[in-house]
Protein backbone atom coordinates (compact mmCIF):
# COMPACT_ATOMS: atom_id res chain seq x y z
CA UNK A 1 5.50 -40.97 13.16
CA UNK A 2 7.70 -38.89 10.87
CA UNK A 3 4.61 -37.54 9.09
CA UNK A 4 3.40 -35.95 12.33
CA UNK A 5 6.66 -34.10 12.78
CA UNK A 6 6.71 -32.86 9.19
CA UNK A 7 3.11 -31.73 9.53
CA UNK A 8 3.99 -29.69 12.63
CA UNK A 9 7.12 -28.27 10.99
CA UNK A 10 5.12 -27.29 7.92
CA UNK A 11 2.44 -25.63 10.02
CA UNK A 12 5.02 -23.65 11.96
CA UNK A 13 6.66 -22.52 8.71
CA UNK A 14 3.30 -21.37 7.32
CA UNK A 15 2.55 -19.42 10.50
CA UNK A 16 5.97 -17.75 10.43
CA UNK A 17 5.54 -16.84 6.75
CA UNK A 18 2.11 -15.29 7.43
CA UNK A 19 3.43 -13.27 10.38
CA UNK A 20 6.41 -12.12 8.34
CA UNK A 21 4.09 -10.98 5.54
CA UNK A 22 1.87 -9.03 7.95
CA UNK A 23 4.83 -7.34 9.64
CA UNK A 24 6.31 -6.24 6.30
CA UNK A 25 2.97 -4.74 5.25
CA UNK A 26 2.67 -2.83 8.53
CA UNK A 27 6.24 -1.51 8.43
CA UNK A 28 6.17 -0.37 4.79
CA UNK A 29 2.79 1.33 5.14
CA UNK A 30 2.64 4.92 3.88
CA UNK A 31 1.54 7.46 6.47
CA UNK A 32 -1.91 8.99 6.14
CA UNK A 33 -0.40 12.47 5.96
CA UNK A 34 1.66 11.55 2.90
CA UNK A 35 -1.41 10.02 1.26
CA UNK A 36 -3.46 13.16 1.91
CA UNK A 37 -0.73 15.43 0.55
CA UNK A 38 -0.41 13.35 -2.61
CA UNK A 39 -4.18 13.39 -3.10
CA UNK A 40 -4.36 17.16 -2.59
CA UNK A 41 -1.56 17.75 -5.10
CA UNK A 42 -3.28 15.53 -7.64
CA UNK A 43 -6.59 17.36 -7.25
CA UNK A 44 -4.91 20.75 -7.52
CA UNK A 45 -3.00 19.78 -10.65
CA UNK A 46 -6.11 18.34 -12.30
CA UNK A 47 -8.08 21.51 -11.48
CA UNK A 48 -5.24 23.62 -12.87
CA UNK A 49 -5.21 21.54 -16.05
CA UNK A 50 -8.98 21.93 -16.46
CA UNK A 51 -8.79 25.69 -15.98
CA UNK A 52 -5.88 25.94 -18.42
CA UNK A 53 -7.72 23.94 -21.06
CA UNK A 54 -10.91 26.01 -20.63
CA UNK A 55 -9.07 29.32 -21.16
CA UNK A 56 -7.56 28.17 -24.46
């Protein structure tokens, strides 16, 4: 009898933990605009570095 209750309590705790994990990942997600800006800056800096190294 007690085992059934603990099994249900454990299942509820696992579900709550999974939902909490998903919500945290959604909330702390970086916006696509920030990702694109960071990628563009990286590409520009790498192109600048290549051009600088070629002129030397």
